Amino acid sequence: MCEHEIIGDYYRGCKHFHGRYFTGEKSDCGSQTCKTSAAHIHPRTLNCRCPTIETEKRRVQNLFQTKHPDCE
């Protein structure tokens, strides 16, 4: 799975991570069947049915002791 770094806020009151923006940093998984990998077998095909397997590498910028406004 390719990992994309995201910066955001963490709310300890509800354990909610609110992502603000992606940094553009990516860890490549090297899988031939992952759309976002550089090793993807058919990168220029428009109707590729390979799954986009990506996860978020979360980095906390601000830590709040309260709940996220959506969780109150």
Protein backbone atom coordinates (compact mmCIF):
# COMPACT_ATOMS: atom_id res chain seq x y z
CA MET A 1 0.00 0.00 0.00
CA CYS A 2 1.29 3.42 -0.90
CA GLU A 3 1.38 5.84 2.02
CA HIS A 4 0.56 9.54 1.56
CA GLU A 5 1.52 11.98 4.32
CA ILE A 6 -1.26 14.21 5.67
CA ILE A 7 -0.97 17.01 8.23
CA GLY A 8 -3.87 17.67 10.56
CA ASP A 9 -5.33 18.27 14.01
CA TYR A 10 -6.00 15.62 16.65
CA TYR A 11 -8.83 16.00 19.16
CA ARG A 12 -8.18 13.91 22.28
CA GLY A 13 -11.73 14.32 23.60
CA CYS A 14 -13.18 12.14 20.83
CA LYS A 15 -9.99 10.67 19.30
CA HIS A 16 -10.82 12.40 16.01
CA PHE A 17 -8.13 13.25 13.44
CA HIS A 18 -9.07 16.10 11.13
CA GLY A 19 -6.77 16.17 8.09
CA ARG A 20 -5.90 19.62 6.77
CA TYR A 21 -3.67 19.01 3.74
CA PHE A 22 -1.50 16.43 2.02
CA THR A 23 2.21 17.27 1.92
CA GLY A 24 2.92 15.48 -1.34
CA GLU A 25 5.31 13.06 0.38
CA LYS A 26 4.62 9.48 -0.70
CA SER A 27 6.06 6.11 0.27
CA ASP A 28 5.81 3.80 -2.72
CA CYS A 29 4.69 0.22 -2.04
CA GLY A 30 6.26 -1.14 -5.23
CA SER A 31 3.20 -3.24 -6.08
CA GLN A 32 2.43 -3.86 -9.75
CA THR A 33 -1.32 -3.89 -9.05
CA CYS A 34 -1.48 -0.58 -7.13
CA LYS A 35 -2.56 2.42 -9.25
CA THR A 36 -0.50 4.95 -7.30
CA SER A 37 2.74 2.92 -7.35
CA ALA A 38 5.59 3.69 -9.75
CA ALA A 39 5.78 -0.07 -10.47
CA HIS A 40 2.18 -0.22 -11.77
CA ILE A 41 1.99 -2.55 -14.80
CA HIS A 42 -0.16 -0.38 -17.06
CA PRO A 43 0.19 3.27 -15.99
CA ARG A 44 -1.20 4.88 -19.15
CA THR A 45 -4.42 2.89 -19.48
CA LEU A 46 -7.57 4.97 -18.99
CA ASN A 47 -9.87 2.10 -17.96
CA CYS A 48 -7.50 0.40 -15.51
CA ARG A 49 -9.38 -1.69 -12.95
CA CYS A 50 -6.48 -1.99 -10.52
CA PRO A 51 -7.38 -0.73 -7.05
CA THR A 52 -5.98 2.48 -5.65
CA ILE A 53 -4.45 1.10 -2.47
CA GLU A 54 -3.30 4.05 -0.42
CA THR A 55 -3.16 4.78 3.28
CA GLU A 56 -2.58 7.98 5.19
CA LYS A 57 0.55 8.62 7.20
CA ARG A 58 -0.96 11.04 9.71
CA ARG A 59 1.14 13.79 11.28
CA VAL A 60 -0.38 15.85 14.07
CA GLN A 61 0.15 19.60 13.79
CA ASN A 62 -2.19 20.72 16.59
CA LEU A 63 -3.32 18.69 19.59
CA PHE A 64 -6.61 19.71 21.21
CA GLN A 65 -7.88 18.36 24.53
CA THR A 66 -11.53 18.97 23.55
CA LYS A 67 -13.91 17.16 21.21
CA HIS A 68 -14.09 17.98 17.50
CA PRO A 69 -17.05 20.34 16.79
CA ASP A 70 -18.78 17.63 14.72
CA CYS A 71 -18.61 15.21 17.65
CA GLU A 72 -20.19 17.46 20.30
